[in-house]
Amino acid sequence: QKAGVDHVIIVTGHRSDELITACFSLDHVSFVHNPNYASSGMIESAK
């Protein structure tokens, strides 16, 4: 955000609720969940 990025999408998986709680005060941030995080690679989360 300091660099000027307008929006951040965080892809969650393991311990997603804790991660979202940690970021609750951040503006211009959204979350999307990878339900298969335990068995998939980074490319699946990236997609």
ModelCIF file with pLDDT and N, C-alpha, C, O atoms, coordinates in Angstrom:
data_MODEL
#
_entry.id   MODEL 
#
_entity.id                         1 
_entity.type                       polymer 
_entity.pdbx_number_of_molecules   1 
#
_entity_poly.entity_id                      1 
_entity_poly.type                           'polypeptide(L)' 
_entity_poly.nstd_linkage                   no 
_entity_poly.nstd_monomer                   no 
_entity_poly.pdbx_seq_one_letter_code       QKAGVDHVIIVTGHRSDELITACFSLDHVSFVHNPNYASSGMIESAK 
_entity_poly.pdbx_seq_one_letter_code_can   QKAGVDHVIIVTGHRSDELITACFSLDHVSFVHNPNYASSGMIESAK 
_entity_poly.pdbx_strand_id                 A 
#
loop_
_entity_poly_seq.entity_id 
_entity_poly_seq.num 
_entity_poly_seq.mon_id 
_entity_poly_seq.hetero 
1 1  GLN n 
1 2  LYS n 
1 3  ALA n 
1 4  GLY n 
1 5  VAL n 
1 6  ASP n 
1 7  HIS n 
1 8  VAL n 
1 9  ILE n 
1 10 ILE n 
1 11 VAL n 
1 12 THR n 
1 13 GLY n 
1 14 HIS n 
1 15 ARG n 
1 16 SER n 
1 17 ASP n 
1 18 GLU n 
1 19 LEU n 
1 20 ILE n 
1 21 THR n 
1 22 ALA n 
1 23 CYS n 
1 24 PHE n 
1 25 SER n 
1 26 LEU n 
1 27 ASP n 
1 28 HIS n 
1 29 VAL n 
1 30 SER n 
1 31 PHE n 
1 32 VAL n 
1 33 HIS n 
1 34 ASN n 
1 35 PRO n 
1 36 ASN n 
1 37 TYR n 
1 38 ALA n 
1 39 SER n 
1 40 SER n 
1 41 GLY n 
1 42 MET n 
1 43 ILE n 
1 44 GLU n 
1 45 SER n 
1 46 ALA n 
1 47 LYS n 
#
_struct_asym.id          A 
_struct_asym.entity_id   1 
#
loop_
_ma_qa_metric.id 
_ma_qa_metric.mode 
_ma_qa_metric.name 
_ma_qa_metric.software_group_id 
_ma_qa_metric.type 
1 global pLDDT . pLDDT 
2 local  pLDDT . pLDDT 
#
_ma_qa_metric_global.metric_id      1 
_ma_qa_metric_global.metric_value   96.02 
_ma_qa_metric_global.model_id       1 
_ma_qa_metric_global.ordinal_id     1 
#
loop_
_ma_qa_metric_local.label_asym_id 
_ma_qa_metric_local.label_comp_id 
_ma_qa_metric_local.label_seq_id 
_ma_qa_metric_local.metric_id 
_ma_qa_metric_local.metric_value 
_ma_qa_metric_local.model_id 
_ma_qa_metric_local.ordinal_id 
A GLN 1  2 98.00 1 1  
A LYS 2  2 98.00 1 2  
A ALA 3  2 98.00 1 3  
A GLY 4  2 98.00 1 4  
A VAL 5  2 98.00 1 5  
A ASP 6  2 98.00 1 6  
A HIS 7  2 98.00 1 7  
A VAL 8  2 98.00 1 8  
A ILE 9  2 98.00 1 9  
A ILE 10 2 98.00 1 10 
A VAL 11 2 98.00 1 11 
A THR 12 2 97.00 1 12 
A GLY 13 2 95.00 1 13 
A HIS 14 2 94.00 1 14 
A ARG 15 2 94.00 1 15 
A SER 16 2 96.00 1 16 
A ASP 17 2 96.00 1 17 
A GLU 18 2 96.00 1 18 
A LEU 19 2 96.00 1 19 
A ILE 20 2 97.00 1 20 
A THR 21 2 97.00 1 21 
A ALA 22 2 96.00 1 22 
A CYS 23 2 96.00 1 23 
A PHE 24 2 93.00 1 24 
A SER 25 2 93.00 1 25 
A LEU 26 2 96.00 1 26 
A ASP 27 2 96.00 1 27 
A HIS 28 2 97.00 1 28 
A VAL 29 2 98.00 1 29 
A SER 30 2 97.00 1 30 
A PHE 31 2 98.00 1 31 
A VAL 32 2 98.00 1 32 
A HIS 33 2 97.00 1 33 
A ASN 34 2 97.00 1 34 
A PRO 35 2 95.00 1 35 
A ASN 36 2 95.00 1 36 
A TYR 37 2 93.00 1 37 
A ALA 38 2 90.00 1 38 
A SER 39 2 92.00 1 39 
A SER 40 2 91.00 1 40 
A GLY 41 2 90.00 1 41 
A MET 42 2 95.00 1 42 
A ILE 43 2 96.00 1 43 
A GLU 44 2 96.00 1 44 
A SER 45 2 97.00 1 45 
A ALA 46 2 97.00 1 46 
A LYS 47 2 98.00 1 47 
#
loop_
_atom_site.group_PDB 
_atom_site.id 
_atom_site.type_symbol 
_atom_site.label_atom_id 
_atom_site.label_alt_id 
_atom_site.label_comp_id 
_atom_site.label_asym_id 
_atom_site.label_entity_id 
_atom_site.label_seq_id 
_atom_site.pdbx_PDB_ins_code 
_atom_site.Cartn_x 
_atom_site.Cartn_y 
_atom_site.Cartn_z 
_atom_site.occupancy 
_atom_site.B_iso_or_equiv 
_atom_site.pdbx_formal_charge 
_atom_site.auth_seq_id 
_atom_site.auth_comp_id 
_atom_site.auth_asym_id 
_atom_site.auth_atom_id 
_atom_site.pdbx_PDB_model_num 
ATOM 1   N N  . GLN A 1 1  ? 0.817   -1.207  0.000   1.00 98.00 ? 1  GLN A N  1 
ATOM 2   C CA . GLN A 1 1  ? 0.000   0.000   0.000   1.00 98.00 ? 1  GLN A CA 1 
ATOM 3   C C  . GLN A 1 1  ? 0.856   1.266   0.000   1.00 98.00 ? 1  GLN A C  1 
ATOM 4   O O  . GLN A 1 1  ? 0.521   2.245   -0.666  1.00 98.00 ? 1  GLN A O  1 
ATOM 5   N N  . LYS A 1 2  ? 1.948   1.245   0.736   1.00 98.00 ? 2  LYS A N  1 
ATOM 6   C CA . LYS A 1 2  ? 2.862   2.391   0.759   1.00 98.00 ? 2  LYS A CA 1 
ATOM 7   C C  . LYS A 1 2  ? 3.442   2.662   -0.624  1.00 98.00 ? 2  LYS A C  1 
ATOM 8   O O  . LYS A 1 2  ? 3.712   3.809   -0.982  1.00 98.00 ? 2  LYS A O  1 
ATOM 9   N N  . ALA A 1 3  ? 3.629   1.594   -1.398  1.00 98.00 ? 3  ALA A N  1 
ATOM 10  C CA . ALA A 1 3  ? 4.174   1.725   -2.748  1.00 98.00 ? 3  ALA A CA 1 
ATOM 11  C C  . ALA A 1 3  ? 3.138   2.212   -3.757  1.00 98.00 ? 3  ALA A C  1 
ATOM 12  O O  . ALA A 1 3  ? 3.488   2.582   -4.877  1.00 98.00 ? 3  ALA A O  1 
ATOM 13  N N  . GLY A 1 4  ? 1.861   2.212   -3.362  1.00 98.00 ? 4  GLY A N  1 
ATOM 14  C CA . GLY A 1 4  ? 0.812   2.693   -4.248  1.00 98.00 ? 4  GLY A CA 1 
ATOM 15  C C  . GLY A 1 4  ? -0.072  1.627   -4.844  1.00 98.00 ? 4  GLY A C  1 
ATOM 16  O O  . GLY A 1 4  ? -0.865  1.918   -5.740  1.00 98.00 ? 4  GLY A O  1 
ATOM 17  N N  . VAL A 1 5  ? 0.042   0.387   -4.370  1.00 98.00 ? 5  VAL A N  1 
ATOM 18  C CA . VAL A 1 5  ? -0.849  -0.673  -4.855  1.00 98.00 ? 5  VAL A CA 1 
ATOM 19  C C  . VAL A 1 5  ? -2.275  -0.367  -4.400  1.00 98.00 ? 5  VAL A C  1 
ATOM 20  O O  . VAL A 1 5  ? -2.506  -0.059  -3.231  1.00 98.00 ? 5  VAL A O  1 
ATOM 21  N N  . ASP A 1 6  ? -3.225  -0.454  -5.325  1.00 98.00 ? 6  ASP A N  1 
ATOM 22  C CA . ASP A 1 6  ? -4.594  -0.033  -5.037  1.00 98.00 ? 6  ASP A CA 1 
ATOM 23  C C  . ASP A 1 6  ? -5.406  -1.059  -4.255  1.00 98.00 ? 6  ASP A C  1 
ATOM 24  O O  . ASP A 1 6  ? -6.246  -0.692  -3.433  1.00 98.00 ? 6  ASP A O  1 
ATOM 25  N N  . HIS A 1 7  ? -5.162  -2.330  -4.507  1.00 98.00 ? 7  HIS A N  1 
ATOM 26  C CA . HIS A 1 7  ? -5.953  -3.363  -3.832  1.00 98.00 ? 7  HIS A CA 1 
ATOM 27  C C  . HIS A 1 7  ? -5.095  -4.614  -3.645  1.00 98.00 ? 7  HIS A C  1 
ATOM 28  O O  . HIS A 1 7  ? -4.212  -4.905  -4.452  1.00 98.00 ? 7  HIS A O  1 
ATOM 29  N N  . VAL A 1 8  ? -5.371  -5.341  -2.569  1.00 98.00 ? 8  VAL A N  1 
ATOM 30  C CA . VAL A 1 8  ? -4.657  -6.578  -2.277  1.00 98.00 ? 8  VAL A CA 1 
ATOM 31  C C  . VAL A 1 8  ? -5.668  -7.704  -2.097  1.00 98.00 ? 8  VAL A C  1 
ATOM 32  O O  . VAL A 1 8  ? -6.641  -7.568  -1.355  1.00 98.00 ? 8  VAL A O  1 
ATOM 33  N N  . ILE A 1 9  ? -5.427  -8.810  -2.780  1.00 98.00 ? 9  ILE A N  1 
ATOM 34  C CA . ILE A 1 9  ? -6.225  -10.028 -2.610  1.00 98.00 ? 9  ILE A CA 1 
ATOM 35  C C  . ILE A 1 9  ? -5.344  -11.048 -1.899  1.00 98.00 ? 9  ILE A C  1 
ATOM 36  O O  . ILE A 1 9  ? -4.270  -11.394 -2.392  1.00 98.00 ? 9  ILE A O  1 
ATOM 37  N N  . ILE A 1 10 ? -5.792  -11.525 -0.752  1.00 98.00 ? 10 ILE A N  1 
ATOM 38  C CA . ILE A 1 10 ? -5.058  -12.537 -0.005  1.00 98.00 ? 10 ILE A CA 1 
ATOM 39  C C  . ILE A 1 10 ? -5.763  -13.876 -0.162  1.00 98.00 ? 10 ILE A C  1 
ATOM 40  O O  . ILE A 1 10 ? -6.942  -14.006 0.167   1.00 98.00 ? 10 ILE A O  1 
ATOM 41  N N  . VAL A 1 11 ? -5.043  -14.868 -0.662  1.00 98.00 ? 11 VAL A N  1 
ATOM 42  C CA . VAL A 1 11 ? -5.599  -16.207 -0.827  1.00 98.00 ? 11 VAL A CA 1 
ATOM 43  C C  . VAL A 1 11 ? -5.311  -16.996 0.448   1.00 98.00 ? 11 VAL A C  1 
ATOM 44  O O  . VAL A 1 11 ? -4.153  -17.216 0.804   1.00 98.00 ? 11 VAL A O  1 
ATOM 45  N N  . THR A 1 12 ? -6.358  -17.412 1.121   1.00 97.00 ? 12 THR A N  1 
ATOM 46  C CA . THR A 1 12 ? -6.226  -18.107 2.399   1.00 97.00 ? 12 THR A CA 1 
ATOM 47  C C  . THR A 1 12 ? -6.422  -19.612 2.227   1.00 97.00 ? 12 THR A C  1 
ATOM 48  O O  . THR A 1 12 ? -6.913  -20.089 1.204   1.00 97.00 ? 12 THR A O  1 
ATOM 49  N N  . GLY A 1 13 ? -6.023  -20.333 3.260   1.00 95.00 ? 13 GLY A N  1 
ATOM 50  C CA . GLY A 1 13 ? -6.209  -21.780 3.297   1.00 95.00 ? 13 GLY A CA 1 
ATOM 51  C C  . GLY A 1 13 ? -6.145  -22.216 4.741   1.00 95.00 ? 13 GLY A C  1 
ATOM 52  O O  . GLY A 1 13 ? -7.141  -22.149 5.462   1.00 95.00 ? 13 GLY A O  1 
ATOM 53  N N  . HIS A 1 14 ? -4.972  -22.664 5.170   1.00 94.00 ? 14 HIS A N  1 
ATOM 54  C CA . HIS A 1 14 ? -4.735  -23.071 6.555   1.00 94.00 ? 14 HIS A CA 1 
ATOM 55  C C  . HIS A 1 14 ? -4.949  -21.882 7.497   1.00 94.00 ? 14 HIS A C  1 
ATOM 56  O O  . HIS A 1 14 ? -4.440  -20.787 7.259   1.00 94.00 ? 14 HIS A O  1 
ATOM 57  N N  . ARG A 1 15 ? -5.701  -22.117 8.552   1.00 94.00 ? 15 ARG A N  1 
ATOM 58  C CA . ARG A 1 15 ? -5.953  -21.118 9.606   1.00 94.00 ? 15 ARG A CA 1 
ATOM 59  C C  . ARG A 1 15 ? -6.464  -19.793 9.019   1.00 94.00 ? 15 ARG A C  1 
ATOM 60  O O  . ARG A 1 15 ? -6.018  -18.711 9.400   1.00 94.00 ? 15 ARG A O  1 
ATOM 61  N N  . SER A 1 16 ? -7.395  -19.913 8.096   1.00 96.00 ? 16 SER A N  1 
ATOM 62  C CA . SER A 1 16 ? -7.885  -18.729 7.389   1.00 96.00 ? 16 SER A CA 1 
ATOM 63  C C  . SER A 1 16 ? -8.579  -17.731 8.314   1.00 96.00 ? 16 SER A C  1 
ATOM 64  O O  . SER A 1 16 ? -8.435  -16.521 8.136   1.00 96.00 ? 16 SER A O  1 
ATOM 65  N N  . ASP A 1 17 ? -9.326  -18.225 9.294   1.00 96.00 ? 17 ASP A N  1 
ATOM 66  C CA . ASP A 1 17 ? -10.031 -17.307 10.195  1.00 96.00 ? 17 ASP A CA 1 
ATOM 67  C C  . ASP A 1 17 ? -9.051  -16.438 10.975  1.00 96.00 ? 17 ASP A C  1 
ATOM 68  O O  . ASP A 1 17 ? -9.288  -15.245 11.162  1.00 96.00 ? 17 ASP A O  1 
ATOM 69  N N  . GLU A 1 18 ? -7.953  -17.032 11.428  1.00 96.00 ? 18 GLU A N  1 
ATOM 70  C CA . GLU A 1 18 ? -6.948  -16.264 12.162  1.00 96.00 ? 18 GLU A CA 1 
ATOM 71  C C  . GLU A 1 18 ? -6.291  -15.222 11.263  1.00 96.00 ? 18 GLU A C  1 
ATOM 72  O O  . GLU A 1 18 ? -6.008  -14.104 11.692  1.00 96.00 ? 18 GLU A O  1 
ATOM 73  N N  . LEU A 1 19 ? -6.057  -15.597 10.043  1.00 96.00 ? 19 LEU A N  1 
ATOM 74  C CA . LEU A 1 19 ? -5.430  -14.688 9.092   1.00 96.00 ? 19 LEU A CA 1 
ATOM 75  C C  . LEU A 1 19 ? -6.332  -13.486 8.810   1.00 96.00 ? 19 LEU A C  1 
ATOM 76  O O  . LEU A 1 19 ? -5.876  -12.343 8.805   1.00 96.00 ? 19 LEU A O  1 
ATOM 77  N N  . ILE A 1 20 ? -7.601  -13.757 8.579   1.00 97.00 ? 20 ILE A N  1 
ATOM 78  C CA . ILE A 1 20 ? -8.553  -12.672 8.318   1.00 97.00 ? 20 ILE A CA 1 
ATOM 79  C C  . ILE A 1 20 ? -8.676  -11.766 9.529   1.00 97.00 ? 20 ILE A C  1 
ATOM 80  O O  . ILE A 1 20 ? -8.743  -10.545 9.387   1.00 97.00 ? 20 ILE A O  1 
ATOM 81  N N  . THR A 1 21 ? -8.707  -12.346 10.711  1.00 97.00 ? 21 THR A N  1 
ATOM 82  C CA . THR A 1 21 ? -8.781  -11.532 11.936  1.00 97.00 ? 21 THR A CA 1 
ATOM 83  C C  . THR A 1 21 ? -7.558  -10.638 12.079  1.00 97.00 ? 21 THR A C  1 
ATOM 84  O O  . THR A 1 21 ? -7.680  -9.480  12.476  1.00 97.00 ? 21 THR A O  1 
ATOM 85  N N  . ALA A 1 22 ? -6.395  -11.158 11.762  1.00 96.00 ? 22 ALA A N  1 
ATOM 86  C CA . ALA A 1 22 ? -5.164  -10.371 11.872  1.00 96.00 ? 22 ALA A CA 1 
ATOM 87  C C  . ALA A 1 22 ? -5.167  -9.174  10.933  1.00 96.00 ? 22 ALA A C  1 
ATOM 88  O O  . ALA A 1 22 ? -4.499  -8.173  11.189  1.00 96.00 ? 22 ALA A O  1 
ATOM 89  N N  . CYS A 1 23 ? -5.918  -9.283  9.849   1.00 96.00 ? 23 CYS A N  1 
ATOM 90  C CA . CYS A 1 23 ? -5.942  -8.225  8.827   1.00 96.00 ? 23 CYS A CA 1 
ATOM 91  C C  . CYS A 1 23 ? -7.204  -7.372  8.885   1.00 96.00 ? 23 CYS A C  1 
ATOM 92  O O  . CYS A 1 23 ? -7.473  -6.603  7.962   1.00 96.00 ? 23 CYS A O  1 
ATOM 93  N N  . PHE A 1 24 ? -7.978  -7.500  9.955   1.00 93.00 ? 24 PHE A N  1 
ATOM 94  C CA . PHE A 1 24 ? -9.312  -6.873  9.990   1.00 93.00 ? 24 PHE A CA 1 
ATOM 95  C C  . PHE A 1 24 ? -9.264  -5.352  9.829   1.00 93.00 ? 24 PHE A C  1 
ATOM 96  O O  . PHE A 1 24 ? -10.221 -4.757  9.333   1.00 93.00 ? 24 PHE A O  1 
ATOM 97  N N  . SER A 1 25 ? -8.174  -4.723  10.237  1.00 93.00 ? 25 SER A N  1 
ATOM 98  C CA . SER A 1 25 ? -8.115  -3.255  10.202  1.00 93.00 ? 25 SER A CA 1 
ATOM 99  C C  . SER A 1 25 ? -7.565  -2.715  8.883   1.00 93.00 ? 25 SER A C  1 
ATOM 100 O O  . SER A 1 25 ? -7.485  -1.500  8.708   1.00 93.00 ? 25 SER A O  1 
ATOM 101 N N  . LEU A 1 26 ? -7.192  -3.580  7.965   1.00 96.00 ? 26 LEU A N  1 
ATOM 102 C CA . LEU A 1 26 ? -6.590  -3.136  6.711   1.00 96.00 ? 26 LEU A CA 1 
ATOM 103 C C  . LEU A 1 26 ? -7.659  -2.741  5.698   1.00 96.00 ? 26 LEU A C  1 
ATOM 104 O O  . LEU A 1 26 ? -8.643  -3.456  5.506   1.00 96.00 ? 26 LEU A O  1 
ATOM 105 N N  . ASP A 1 27 ? -7.457  -1.614  5.065   1.00 96.00 ? 27 ASP A N  1 
ATOM 106 C CA . ASP A 1 27 ? -8.364  -1.167  4.010   1.00 96.00 ? 27 ASP A CA 1 
ATOM 107 C C  . ASP A 1 27 ? -7.914  -1.709  2.660   1.00 96.00 ? 27 ASP A C  1 
ATOM 108 O O  . ASP A 1 27 ? -6.745  -2.042  2.467   1.00 96.00 ? 27 ASP A O  1 
ATOM 109 N N  . HIS A 1 28 ? -8.859  -1.792  1.735   1.00 97.00 ? 28 HIS A N  1 
ATOM 110 C CA . HIS A 1 28 ? -8.582  -2.191  0.349   1.00 97.00 ? 28 HIS A CA 1 
ATOM 111 C C  . HIS A 1 28 ? -7.929  -3.575  0.271   1.00 97.00 ? 28 HIS A C  1 
ATOM 112 O O  . HIS A 1 28 ? -7.030  -3.814  -0.535  1.00 97.00 ? 28 HIS A O  1 
ATOM 113 N N  . VAL A 1 29 ? -8.404  -4.469  1.128   1.00 98.00 ? 29 VAL A N  1 
ATOM 114 C CA . VAL A 1 29 ? -7.928  -5.848  1.147   1.00 98.00 ? 29 VAL A CA 1 
ATOM 115 C C  . VAL A 1 29 ? -9.140  -6.768  1.096   1.00 98.00 ? 29 VAL A C  1 
ATOM 116 O O  . VAL A 1 29 ? -10.116 -6.556  1.816   1.00 98.00 ? 29 VAL A O  1 
ATOM 117 N N  . SER A 1 30 ? -9.079  -7.781  0.255   1.00 97.00 ? 30 SER A N  1 
ATOM 118 C CA . SER A 1 30 ? -10.142 -8.782  0.210   1.00 97.00 ? 30 SER A CA 1 
ATOM 119 C C  . SER A 1 30 ? -9.513  -10.173 0.298   1.00 97.00 ? 30 SER A C  1 
ATOM 120 O O  . SER A 1 30 ? -8.305  -10.336 0.128   1.00 97.00 ? 30 SER A O  1 
ATOM 121 N N  . PHE A 1 31 ? -10.355 -11.168 0.567   1.00 98.00 ? 31 PHE A N  1 
ATOM 122 C CA . PHE A 1 31 ? -9.877  -12.524 0.801   1.00 98.00 ? 31 PHE A CA 1 
ATOM 123 C C  . PHE A 1 31 ? -10.635 -13.504 -0.083  1.00 98.00 ? 31 PHE A C  1 
ATOM 124 O O  . PHE A 1 31 ? -11.820 -13.333 -0.368  1.00 98.00 ? 31 PHE A O  1 
ATOM 125 N N  . VAL A 1 32 ? -9.916  -14.528 -0.505  1.00 98.00 ? 32 VAL A N  1 
ATOM 126 C CA . VAL A 1 32 ? -10.538 -15.633 -1.225  1.00 98.00 ? 32 VAL A CA 1 
ATOM 127 C C  . VAL A 1 32 ? -9.899  -16.908 -0.691  1.00 98.00 ? 32 VAL A C  1 
ATOM 128 O O  . VAL A 1 32 ? -8.702  -16.938 -0.404  1.00 98.00 ? 32 VAL A O  1 
ATOM 129 N N  . HIS A 1 33 ? -10.700 -17.957 -0.561  1.00 97.00 ? 33 HIS A N  1 
ATOM 130 C CA . HIS A 1 33 ? -10.242 -19.175 0.121   1.00 97.00 ? 33 HIS A CA 1 
ATOM 131 C C  . HIS A 1 33 ? -9.980  -20.294 -0.871  1.00 97.00 ? 33 HIS A C  1 
ATOM 132 O O  . HIS A 1 33 ? -10.753 -20.507 -1.805  1.00 97.00 ? 33 HIS A O  1 
ATOM 133 N N  . ASN A 1 34 ? -8.881  -21.006 -0.657  1.00 97.00 ? 34 ASN A N  1 
ATOM 134 C CA . ASN A 1 34 ? -8.597  -22.236 -1.402  1.00 97.00 ? 34 ASN A CA 1 
ATOM 135 C C  . ASN A 1 34 ? -8.996  -23.419 -0.519  1.00 97.00 ? 34 ASN A C  1 
ATOM 136 O O  . ASN A 1 34 ? -8.263  -23.758 0.409   1.00 97.00 ? 34 ASN A O  1 
ATOM 137 N N  . PRO A 1 35 ? -10.127 -24.047 -0.783  1.00 95.00 ? 35 PRO A N  1 
ATOM 138 C CA . PRO A 1 35 ? -10.587 -25.137 0.087   1.00 95.00 ? 35 PRO A CA 1 
ATOM 139 C C  . PRO A 1 35 ? -9.705  -26.378 0.004   1.00 95.00 ? 35 PRO A C  1 
ATOM 140 O O  . PRO A 1 35 ? -9.757  -27.233 0.887   1.00 95.00 ? 35 PRO A O  1 
ATOM 141 N N  . ASN A 1 36 ? -8.897  -26.484 -1.046  1.00 95.00 ? 36 ASN A N  1 
ATOM 142 C CA . ASN A 1 36 ? -8.030  -27.649 -1.225  1.00 95.00 ? 36 ASN A CA 1 
ATOM 143 C C  . ASN A 1 36 ? -6.577  -27.323 -0.886  1.00 95.00 ? 36 ASN A C  1 
ATOM 144 O O  . ASN A 1 36 ? -5.653  -27.930 -1.428  1.00 95.00 ? 36 ASN A O  1 
ATOM 145 N N  . TYR A 1 37 ? -6.385  -26.360 0.015   1.00 93.00 ? 37 TYR A N  1 
ATOM 146 C CA . TYR A 1 37 ? -5.028  -25.888 0.312   1.00 93.00 ? 37 TYR A CA 1 
ATOM 147 C C  . TYR A 1 37 ? -4.094  -27.003 0.785   1.00 93.00 ? 37 TYR A C  1 
ATOM 148 O O  . TYR A 1 37 ? -2.892  -26.951 0.525   1.00 93.00 ? 37 TYR A O  1 
ATOM 149 N N  . ALA A 1 38 ? -4.631  -28.008 1.473   1.00 90.00 ? 38 ALA A N  1 
ATOM 150 C CA . ALA A 1 38 ? -3.773  -29.049 2.050   1.00 90.00 ? 38 ALA A CA 1 
ATOM 151 C C  . ALA A 1 38 ? -3.209  -29.990 0.997   1.00 90.00 ? 38 ALA A C  1 
ATOM 152 O O  . ALA A 1 38 ? -2.194  -30.647 1.232   1.00 90.00 ? 38 ALA A O  1 
ATOM 153 N N  . SER A 1 39 ? -3.849  -30.062 -0.152  1.00 92.00 ? 39 SER A N  1 
ATOM 154 C CA . SER A 1 39 ? -3.427  -31.025 -1.166  1.00 92.00 ? 39 SER A CA 1 
ATOM 155 C C  . SER A 1 39 ? -3.044  -30.377 -2.490  1.00 92.00 ? 39 SER A C  1 
ATOM 156 O O  . SER A 1 39 ? -2.662  -31.080 -3.425  1.00 92.00 ? 39 SER A O  1 
ATOM 157 N N  . SER A 1 40 ? -3.135  -29.069 -2.589  1.00 91.00 ? 40 SER A N  1 
ATOM 158 C CA . SER A 1 40 ? -2.831  -28.393 -3.850  1.00 91.00 ? 40 SER A CA 1 
ATOM 159 C C  . SER A 1 40 ? -1.565  -27.556 -3.713  1.00 91.00 ? 40 SER A C  1 
ATOM 160 O O  . SER A 1 40 ? -1.130  -27.239 -2.606  1.00 91.00 ? 40 SER A O  1 
ATOM 161 N N  . GLY A 1 41 ? -0.984  -27.207 -4.853  1.00 90.00 ? 41 GLY A N  1 
ATOM 162 C CA . GLY A 1 41 ? 0.229   -26.406 -4.867  1.00 90.00 ? 41 GLY A CA 1 
ATOM 163 C C  . GLY A 1 41 ? -0.077  -24.924 -4.971  1.00 90.00 ? 41 GLY A C  1 
ATOM 164 O O  . GLY A 1 41 ? -1.234  -24.506 -5.019  1.00 90.00 ? 41 GLY A O  1 
ATOM 165 N N  . MET A 1 42 ? 1.002   -24.134 -5.005  1.00 95.00 ? 42 MET A N  1 
ATOM 166 C CA . MET A 1 42 ? 0.837   -22.683 -5.049  1.00 95.00 ? 42 MET A CA 1 
ATOM 167 C C  . MET A 1 42 ? 0.112   -22.218 -6.299  1.00 95.00 ? 42 MET A C  1 
ATOM 168 O O  . MET A 1 42 ? -0.609  -21.220 -6.269  1.00 95.00 ? 42 MET A O  1 
ATOM 169 N N  . ILE A 1 43 ? 0.301   -22.941 -7.405  1.00 96.00 ? 43 ILE A N  1 
ATOM 170 C CA . ILE A 1 43 ? -0.325  -22.482 -8.634  1.00 96.00 ? 43 ILE A CA 1 
ATOM 171 C C  . ILE A 1 43 ? -1.848  -22.520 -8.533  1.00 96.00 ? 43 ILE A C  1 
ATOM 172 O O  . ILE A 1 43 ? -2.528  -21.658 -9.088  1.00 96.00 ? 43 ILE A O  1 
ATOM 173 N N  . GLU A 1 44 ? -2.386  -23.516 -7.827  1.00 96.00 ? 44 GLU A N  1 
ATOM 174 C CA . GLU A 1 44 ? -3.846  -23.568 -7.661  1.00 96.00 ? 44 GLU A CA 1 
ATOM 175 C C  . GLU A 1 44 ? -4.342  -22.369 -6.859  1.00 96.00 ? 44 GLU A C  1 
ATOM 176 O O  . GLU A 1 44 ? -5.365  -21.774 -7.195  1.00 96.00 ? 44 GLU A O  1 
ATOM 177 N N  . SER A 1 45 ? -3.617  -22.017 -5.801  1.00 97.00 ? 45 SER A N  1 
ATOM 178 C CA . SER A 1 45 ? -3.997  -20.834 -5.021  1.00 97.00 ? 45 SER A CA 1 
ATOM 179 C C  . SER A 1 45 ? -3.851  -19.566 -5.855  1.00 97.00 ? 45 SER A C  1 
ATOM 180 O O  . SER A 1 45 ? -4.683  -18.662 -5.783  1.00 97.00 ? 45 SER A O  1 
ATOM 181 N N  . ALA A 1 46 ? -2.782  -19.513 -6.645  1.00 97.00 ? 46 ALA A N  1 
ATOM 182 C CA . ALA A 1 46 ? -2.574  -18.329 -7.496  1.00 97.00 ? 46 ALA A CA 1 
ATOM 183 C C  . ALA A 1 46 ? -3.716  -18.175 -8.497  1.00 97.00 ? 46 ALA A C  1 
ATOM 184 O O  . ALA A 1 46 ? -4.209  -17.069 -8.718  1.00 97.00 ? 46 ALA A O  1 
ATOM 185 N N  . LYS A 1 47 ? -4.135  -19.283 -9.100  1.00 98.00 ? 47 LYS A N  1 
ATOM 186 C CA . LYS A 1 47 ? -5.233  -19.212 -10.067 1.00 98.00 ? 47 LYS A CA 1 
ATOM 187 C C  . LYS A 1 47 ? -6.515  -18.717 -9.418  1.00 98.00 ? 47 LYS A C  1 
ATOM 188 O O  . LYS A 1 47 ? -7.541  -18.597 -10.089 1.00 98.00 ? 47 LYS A O  1 
#
